C-alpha atoms as a PDB file:
ATOM      1  CA  MET A   1     118.504  71.146 -46.503  1.00  0.00           C
ATOM      2  CA  THR A   2     119.018  70.803 -42.990  1.00  0.00           C
ATOM      3  CA  MET A   3     121.213  67.806 -42.104  1.00  0.00           C
ATOM      4  CA  TYR A   4     120.222  65.091 -39.399  1.00  0.00           C
ATOM      5  CA  SER A   5     122.778  65.333 -36.515  1.00  0.00           C
ATOM      6  CA  PRO A   6     122.559  62.668 -33.825  1.00  0.00           C
ATOM      7  CA  ALA A   7     123.825  64.867 -31.090  1.00  0.00           C
ATOM      8  CA  ALA A   8     121.541  67.907 -32.020  1.00  0.00           C
ATOM      9  CA  GLU A   9     118.672  65.414 -31.583  1.00  0.00           C
ATOM     10  CA  ARG A  10     119.833  64.184 -28.300  1.00  0.00           C
ATOM     11  CA  GLU A  11     119.996  67.724 -26.956  1.00  0.00           C
ATOM     12  CA  ARG A  12     116.781  68.638 -28.136  1.00  0.00           C
ATOM     13  CA  ARG A  13     115.276  65.349 -26.152  1.00  0.00           C
ATOM     14  CA  ARG A  14     117.201  66.243 -23.059  1.00  0.00           C
ATOM     15  CA  THR A  15     115.829  69.750 -23.332  1.00  0.00           C
ATOM     16  CA  ARG A  16     111.970  68.596 -23.651  1.00  0.00           C
ATOM     17  CA  ARG A  17     112.535  66.227 -20.673  1.00  0.00           C
ATOM     18  CA  VAL A  18     114.439  68.977 -18.420  1.00  0.00           C
ATOM     19  CA  ARG A  19     111.417  71.310 -19.221  1.00  0.00           C
ATOM     20  CA  LEU A  20     108.624  68.318 -18.588  1.00  0.00           C
ATOM     21  CA  VAL A  21     110.315  67.789 -15.168  1.00  0.00           C
ATOM     22  CA  VAL A  22     110.785  71.058 -14.264  1.00  0.00           C
ATOM     23  CA  ILE A  23     106.623  71.655 -15.347  1.00  0.00           C
ATOM     24  CA  GLY A  24     106.127  68.437 -13.040  1.00  0.00           C
ATOM     25  CA  ALA A  25     108.162  69.694 -10.260  1.00  0.00           C
ATOM     26  CA  LEU A  26     106.250  73.177 -10.024  1.00  0.00           C
ATOM     27  CA  ALA A  27     102.639  71.484 -10.439  1.00  0.00           C
ATOM     28  CA  VAL A  28     103.601  69.148  -7.495  1.00  0.00           C
ATOM     29  CA  VAL A  29     104.829  72.165  -5.233  1.00  0.00           C
ATOM     30  CA  PHE A  30     101.748  74.357  -6.335  1.00  0.00           C
ATOM     31  CA  VAL A  31      99.304  71.510  -5.474  1.00  0.00           C
ATOM     32  CA  GLY A  32     101.178  70.681  -2.260  1.00  0.00           C
ATOM     33  CA  ALA A  33     101.322  73.911  -1.029  1.00  0.00           C
ATOM     34  CA  ALA A  34      97.186  74.638  -1.949  1.00  0.00           C
ATOM     35  CA  LEU A  35      96.595  71.116  -0.132  1.00  0.00           C
ATOM     36  CA  LEU A  36      98.471  72.350   3.107  1.00  0.00           C
ATOM     37  CA  TRP A  37      97.872  75.999   3.274  1.00  0.00           C
ATOM     38  CA  PRO A  38      95.946  76.510   6.711  1.00  0.00           C
ATOM     39  CA  ARG A  39      92.553  77.413   6.690  1.00  0.00           C
ATOM     40  CA  PRO A  40      90.448  78.783   9.287  1.00  0.00           C
ATOM     41  CA  THR A  41      88.736  75.805  11.048  1.00  0.00           C
ATOM     42  CA  PRO A  42      85.600  75.992  13.216  1.00  0.00           C
ATOM     43  CA  GLY A  43      86.366  76.329  17.271  1.00  0.00           C
ATOM     44  CA  ALA A  44      85.899  73.788  19.526  1.00  0.00           C
ATOM     45  CA  LEU A  45      83.270  75.173  21.405  1.00  0.00           C
ATOM     46  CA  THR A  46      79.499  75.697  20.712  1.00  0.00           C
ATOM     47  CA  VAL A  47      77.822  78.894  20.570  1.00  0.00           C
ATOM     48  CA  ALA A  48      73.976  79.588  21.039  1.00  0.00           C
ATOM     49  CA  THR A  49      72.407  79.314  17.444  1.00  0.00           C
ATOM     50  CA  GLY A  50      68.571  80.344  16.178  1.00  0.00           C
ATOM     51  CA  GLU A  51      67.385  80.089  12.765  1.00  0.00           C
ATOM     52  CA  ARG A  52      68.621  81.987   9.803  1.00  0.00           C
ATOM     53  CA  VAL A  53      67.381  85.502  10.017  1.00  0.00           C
ATOM     54  CA  ALA A  54      67.096  88.658   7.534  1.00  0.00           C
ATOM     55  CA  PRO A  55      68.994  91.282   9.359  1.00  0.00           C
ATOM     56  CA  ALA A  56      66.734  93.737  10.675  1.00  0.00           C
ATOM     57  CA  GLY A  57      68.795  95.949  13.013  1.00  0.00           C
ATOM     58  CA  VAL A  58      72.573  97.232  14.368  1.00  0.00           C
ATOM     59  CA  LEU A  59      73.663  96.737  17.583  1.00  0.00           C
ATOM     60  CA  GLN A  60      76.878  98.511  18.789  1.00  0.00           C
ATOM     61  CA  GLY A  61      78.877  97.486  22.100  1.00  0.00           C
ATOM     62  CA  GLU A  62      81.310  95.985  24.105  1.00  0.00           C
ATOM     63  CA  LEU A  63      81.355  92.002  23.634  1.00  0.00           C
ATOM     64  CA  SER A  64      81.585  89.996  26.872  1.00  0.00           C
ATOM     65  CA  ALA A  65      81.941  86.410  26.942  1.00  0.00           C
ATOM     66  CA  ASP A  66      81.294  83.458  29.572  1.00  0.00           C
ATOM     67  CA  ARG A  67      82.134  80.165  29.038  1.00  0.00           C
ATOM     68  CA  SER A  68      79.447  77.565  30.354  1.00  0.00           C
ATOM     69  CA  GLY A  69      80.964  73.932  29.864  1.00  0.00           C
ATOM     70  CA  GLU A  70      81.503  73.417  26.088  1.00  0.00           C
ATOM     71  CA  GLN A  71      79.180  76.909  25.553  1.00  0.00           C
ATOM     72  CA  VAL A  72      80.213  80.132  25.151  1.00  0.00           C
ATOM     73  CA  CYS A  73      77.757  82.700  25.746  1.00  0.00           C
ATOM     74  CA  TYR A  74      78.280  86.030  24.387  1.00  0.00           C
ATOM     75  CA  SER A  75      76.677  89.456  25.343  1.00  0.00           C
ATOM     76  CA  VAL A  76      76.959  93.241  24.067  1.00  0.00           C
ATOM     77  CA  ALA A  77      76.550  95.792  26.759  1.00  0.00           C
ATOM     78  CA  THR A  78      74.858  98.783  25.071  1.00  0.00           C
ATOM     79  CA  SER A  79      73.609 102.287  26.661  1.00  0.00           C
ATOM     80  CA  THR A  80      70.077 100.860  26.774  1.00  0.00           C
ATOM     81  CA  GLY A  81      71.159  97.719  28.620  1.00  0.00           C
ATOM     82  CA  THR A  82      72.434  94.332  27.450  1.00  0.00           C
ATOM     83  CA  ALA A  83      71.808  92.147  24.733  1.00  0.00           C
ATOM     84  CA  VAL A  84      72.341  88.275  24.593  1.00  0.00           C
ATOM     85  CA  LEU A  85      73.495  87.092  21.415  1.00  0.00           C
ATOM     86  CA  ARG A  86      72.790  83.990  19.503  1.00  0.00           C
ATOM     87  CA  PHE A  87      74.045  83.261  16.285  1.00  0.00           C
ATOM     88  CA  VAL A  88      72.944  81.746  12.884  1.00  0.00           C
ATOM     89  CA  PRO A  89      74.167  78.214  12.495  1.00  0.00           C
ATOM     90  CA  GLY A  90      77.963  77.564  11.507  1.00  0.00           C
ATOM     91  CA  TRP A  91      79.415  79.845  14.294  1.00  0.00           C
ATOM     92  CA  SER A  92      81.301  78.724  16.981  1.00  0.00           C
ATOM     93  CA  ALA A  93      84.067  79.823  19.459  1.00  0.00           C
ATOM     94  CA  ASP A  94      87.241  79.044  20.477  1.00  0.00           C
ATOM     95  CA  GLU A  95      89.513  78.109  23.555  1.00  0.00           C
ATOM     96  CA  ARG A  96      90.500  81.677  24.250  1.00  0.00           C
ATOM     97  CA  LEU A  97      86.452  82.565  23.916  1.00  0.00           C
ATOM     98  CA  GLY A  98      87.321  84.237  20.090  1.00  0.00           C
ATOM     99  CA  LEU A  99      83.958  84.436  18.227  1.00  0.00           C
ATOM    100  CA  ARG A 100      84.361  82.484  14.796  1.00  0.00           C
ATOM    101  CA  ASP A 101      81.893  82.761  12.000  1.00  0.00           C
ATOM    102  CA  ALA A 102      80.878  80.298   9.799  1.00  0.00           C
ATOM    103  CA  ALA A 103      83.864  80.485   7.339  1.00  0.00           C
ATOM    104  CA  GLY A 104      86.056  79.726  10.770  1.00  0.00           C
ATOM    105  CA  GLY A 105      87.746  82.814  10.950  1.00  0.00           C
ATOM    106  CA  VAL A 106      88.158  84.997  14.326  1.00  0.00           C
ATOM    107  CA  VAL A 107      85.931  88.025  13.897  1.00  0.00           C
ATOM    108  CA  ALA A 108      86.212  89.063  17.710  1.00  0.00           C
ATOM    109  CA  GLN A 109      87.603  88.837  21.125  1.00  0.00           C
ATOM    110  CA  PRO A 110      85.865  89.629  24.478  1.00  0.00           C
ATOM    111  CA  GLY A 111      86.599  93.091  25.102  1.00  0.00           C
ATOM    112  CA  ASP A 112      86.261  94.510  21.396  1.00  0.00           C
ATOM    113  CA  VAL A 113      83.509  97.189  20.936  1.00  0.00           C
ATOM    114  CA  VAL A 114      81.413  95.495  17.978  1.00  0.00           C
ATOM    115  CA  ARG A 115      79.175  96.502  15.564  1.00  0.00           C
ATOM    116  CA  VAL A 116      76.698  93.323  15.255  1.00  0.00           C
ATOM    117  CA  LEU A 117      74.027  92.887  12.481  1.00  0.00           C
ATOM    118  CA  GLY A 118      71.080  90.773  12.869  1.00  0.00           C
ATOM    119  CA  ASP A 119      67.619  90.184  14.128  1.00  0.00           C
ATOM    120  CA  PRO A 120      66.536  91.684  17.488  1.00  0.00           C
ATOM    121  CA  GLY A 121      63.981  89.584  19.517  1.00  0.00           C
ATOM    122  CA  PRO A 122      62.302  89.648  22.936  1.00  0.00           C
ATOM    123  CA  VAL A 123      63.867  90.094  26.445  1.00  0.00           C
ATOM    124  CA  GLY A 124      64.870  86.674  27.828  1.00  0.00           C
ATOM    125  CA  SER A 125      68.032  84.567  28.045  1.00  0.00           C
ATOM    126  CA  VAL A 126      69.578  81.989  25.116  1.00  0.00           C
ATOM    127  CA  ALA A 127      69.743  78.265  25.356  1.00  0.00           C
ATOM    128  CA  GLY A 128      72.353  77.183  27.674  1.00  0.00           C
ATOM    129  CA  CYS A 129      73.219  80.875  29.186  1.00  0.00           C
ATOM    130  CA  ALA A 130      72.021  82.352  32.417  1.00  0.00           C
ATOM    131  CA  GLU A 131      72.425  86.010  31.293  1.00  0.00           C
ATOM    132  CA  ARG A 132      69.250  87.787  30.156  1.00  0.00           C
ATOM    133  CA  GLY A 133      68.605  90.766  28.276  1.00  0.00           C
ATOM    134  CA  ARG A 134      67.141  91.420  24.621  1.00  0.00           C
ATOM    135  CA  THR A 135      67.887  88.483  22.463  1.00  0.00           C
ATOM    136  CA  TRP A 136      69.729  89.159  18.897  1.00  0.00           C
ATOM    137  CA  THR A 137      70.070  86.577  16.362  1.00  0.00           C
ATOM    138  CA  VAL A 138      73.221  87.599  14.602  1.00  0.00           C
ATOM    139  CA  THR A 139      74.256  87.658  11.205  1.00  0.00           C
ATOM    140  CA  SER A 140      77.238  89.278  11.147  1.00  0.00           C
ATOM    141  CA  VAL A 141      79.911  91.018  13.871  1.00  0.00           C
ATOM    142  CA  GLN A 142      82.372  93.743  12.966  1.00  0.00           C
ATOM    143  CA  ILE A 143      85.159  95.453  15.190  1.00  0.00           C
ATOM    144  CA  ARG A 144      84.060  98.951  15.369  1.00  0.00           C
ATOM    145  CA  SER A 145      87.192 101.128  14.702  1.00  0.00           C
END
Protein backbone atom coordinates (compact mmCIF):
# COMPACT_ATOMS: atom_id res chain seq x y z
CA MET A 1 0.00 0.00 0.00
CA THR A 2 1.34 3.41 -1.04
CA MET A 3 1.17 6.15 1.50
CA TYR A 4 0.06 9.64 0.59
CA SER A 5 2.75 12.25 1.00
CA PRO A 6 1.86 15.96 0.58
CA ALA A 7 5.50 16.80 -0.22
CA ALA A 8 5.64 14.17 -2.98
CA GLU A 9 2.31 15.45 -4.41
CA ARG A 10 3.64 19.06 -4.49
CA GLU A 11 6.76 17.88 -6.29
CA ARG A 12 4.69 16.02 -8.95
CA ARG A 13 2.53 19.14 -9.54
CA ARG A 14 5.60 21.34 -9.77
CA THR A 15 7.21 18.96 -12.29
CA ARG A 16 4.04 18.98 -14.42
CA ARG A 17 3.90 22.79 -14.36
CA VAL A 18 7.55 23.09 -15.37
CA ARG A 19 7.01 20.65 -18.25
CA LEU A 20 3.94 22.58 -19.45
CA VAL A 21 5.81 25.89 -19.28
CA VAL A 22 8.77 24.47 -21.23
CA ILE A 23 6.48 22.94 -23.90
CA GLY A 24 4.54 26.22 -24.16
CA ALA A 25 7.75 28.24 -24.49
CA LEU A 26 9.04 25.92 -27.22
CA ALA A 27 5.73 26.21 -29.09
CA VAL A 28 5.93 30.02 -28.94
CA VAL A 29 9.52 29.96 -30.24
CA PHE A 30 8.66 27.62 -33.14
CA VAL A 31 5.56 29.58 -34.15
CA GLY A 32 7.47 32.87 -33.92
CA ALA A 33 10.32 31.52 -36.01
CA ALA A 34 7.91 30.23 -38.65
CA LEU A 35 6.13 33.59 -38.86
CA LEU A 36 9.28 35.70 -38.87
CA TRP A 37 11.36 33.52 -41.22
CA PRO A 38 12.31 35.65 -44.24
CA ARG A 39 10.46 34.64 -47.36
CA PRO A 40 11.26 35.63 -50.92
CA THR A 41 9.11 38.54 -52.02
CA PRO A 42 8.22 39.83 -55.45
CA GLY A 43 10.48 42.54 -56.80
CA ALA A 44 9.42 46.16 -56.89
CA LEU A 45 9.75 46.38 -60.67
CA THR A 46 7.56 44.81 -63.34
CA VAL A 47 8.49 42.72 -66.36
CA ALA A 48 6.65 42.15 -69.61
CA THR A 49 4.13 39.34 -69.17
CA GLY A 50 2.09 37.13 -71.44
CA GLU A 51 -0.38 34.31 -71.10
CA ARG A 52 0.55 31.00 -69.50
CA VAL A 53 1.96 28.69 -72.17
CA ALA A 54 3.14 25.14 -72.51
CA PRO A 55 6.94 25.15 -72.93
CA ALA A 56 7.86 24.31 -76.50
CA GLY A 57 11.54 25.19 -76.74
CA VAL A 58 14.84 25.91 -75.01
CA LEU A 59 16.90 29.04 -75.47
CA GLN A 60 20.46 29.52 -74.20
CA GLY A 61 22.56 32.63 -74.01
CA GLU A 62 23.63 35.63 -71.95
CA LEU A 63 20.86 37.48 -70.13
CA SER A 64 20.68 41.26 -70.59
CA ALA A 65 18.41 43.74 -68.84
CA ASP A 66 17.38 47.31 -69.50
CA ARG A 67 15.28 49.39 -67.12
CA SER A 68 12.55 51.60 -68.55
CA GLY A 69 10.84 53.44 -65.69
CA GLU A 70 9.32 50.84 -63.38
CA GLN A 71 9.66 48.05 -65.95
CA VAL A 72 12.69 45.90 -66.69
CA CYS A 73 13.12 44.52 -70.20
CA TYR A 74 15.07 41.26 -70.52
CA SER A 75 16.68 39.74 -73.59
CA VAL A 76 18.99 36.84 -74.35
CA ALA A 77 21.80 37.05 -76.90
CA THR A 78 22.12 33.79 -78.82
CA SER A 79 24.25 32.66 -81.75
CA THR A 80 21.26 33.27 -84.07
CA GLY A 81 20.28 36.71 -82.78
CA THR A 82 18.46 38.33 -79.92
CA ALA A 83 15.41 36.99 -78.14
CA VAL A 84 13.26 39.43 -76.19
CA LEU A 85 11.61 37.87 -73.17
CA ARG A 86 8.20 38.12 -71.60
CA PHE A 87 7.19 36.01 -68.65
CA VAL A 88 4.19 34.14 -67.37
CA PRO A 89 2.22 36.11 -64.73
CA GLY A 90 3.85 36.52 -61.32
CA TRP A 91 7.44 37.20 -62.41
CA SER A 92 9.10 40.49 -61.48
CA ALA A 93 12.46 42.23 -61.08
CA ASP A 94 14.25 43.86 -58.17
CA GLU A 95 16.13 47.16 -57.98
CA ARG A 96 19.42 45.44 -58.95
CA LEU A 97 17.64 44.03 -62.05
CA GLY A 98 17.62 40.51 -60.63
CA LEU A 99 14.95 38.40 -62.31
CA ARG A 100 12.49 36.97 -59.77
CA ASP A 101 10.22 34.00 -60.44
CA ALA A 102 6.61 33.76 -59.27
CA ALA A 103 7.75 32.49 -55.84
CA GLY A 104 9.87 35.64 -55.38
CA GLY A 105 13.29 34.01 -55.60
CA VAL A 106 16.02 35.60 -57.73
CA VAL A 107 16.73 33.14 -60.54
CA ALA A 108 19.21 35.16 -62.63
CA GLN A 109 21.10 38.45 -62.92
CA PRO A 110 22.10 40.35 -66.06
CA GLY A 111 25.31 38.83 -67.43
CA ASP A 112 24.42 35.27 -66.38
CA VAL A 113 24.45 32.63 -69.09
CA VAL A 114 20.99 31.10 -68.82
CA ARG A 115 18.88 28.27 -70.17
CA VAL A 116 15.33 29.49 -70.79
CA LEU A 117 12.35 27.19 -71.18
CA GLY A 118 9.35 28.68 -72.92
CA ASP A 119 7.41 29.26 -76.08
CA PRO A 120 8.96 31.11 -79.03
CA GLY A 121 6.85 33.67 -80.80
CA PRO A 122 7.18 35.97 -83.80
CA VAL A 123 9.87 38.58 -84.34
CA GLY A 124 8.92 41.85 -82.70
CA SER A 125 9.13 43.56 -79.34
CA VAL A 126 7.32 43.19 -76.05
CA ALA A 127 5.11 45.86 -74.50
CA GLY A 128 7.08 48.67 -72.87
CA CYS A 129 10.44 47.60 -74.30
CA ALA A 130 12.34 49.05 -77.25
CA GLU A 131 14.52 46.07 -78.18
CA ARG A 132 13.36 43.87 -81.06
CA GLY A 133 13.99 40.21 -81.68
CA ARG A 134 12.22 36.88 -81.53
CA THR A 135 9.76 37.05 -78.64
CA TRP A 136 9.80 34.26 -76.05
CA THR A 137 7.21 33.66 -73.36
CA VAL A 138 9.28 32.23 -70.52
CA THR A 139 8.12 29.57 -68.06
CA SER A 140 11.44 28.88 -66.29
CA VAL A 141 15.04 30.10 -66.19
CA GLN A 142 18.15 28.26 -65.04
CA ILE A 143 21.68 29.57 -64.79
CA ARG A 144 23.76 27.42 -67.10
CA SER A 145 26.73 25.84 -65.42
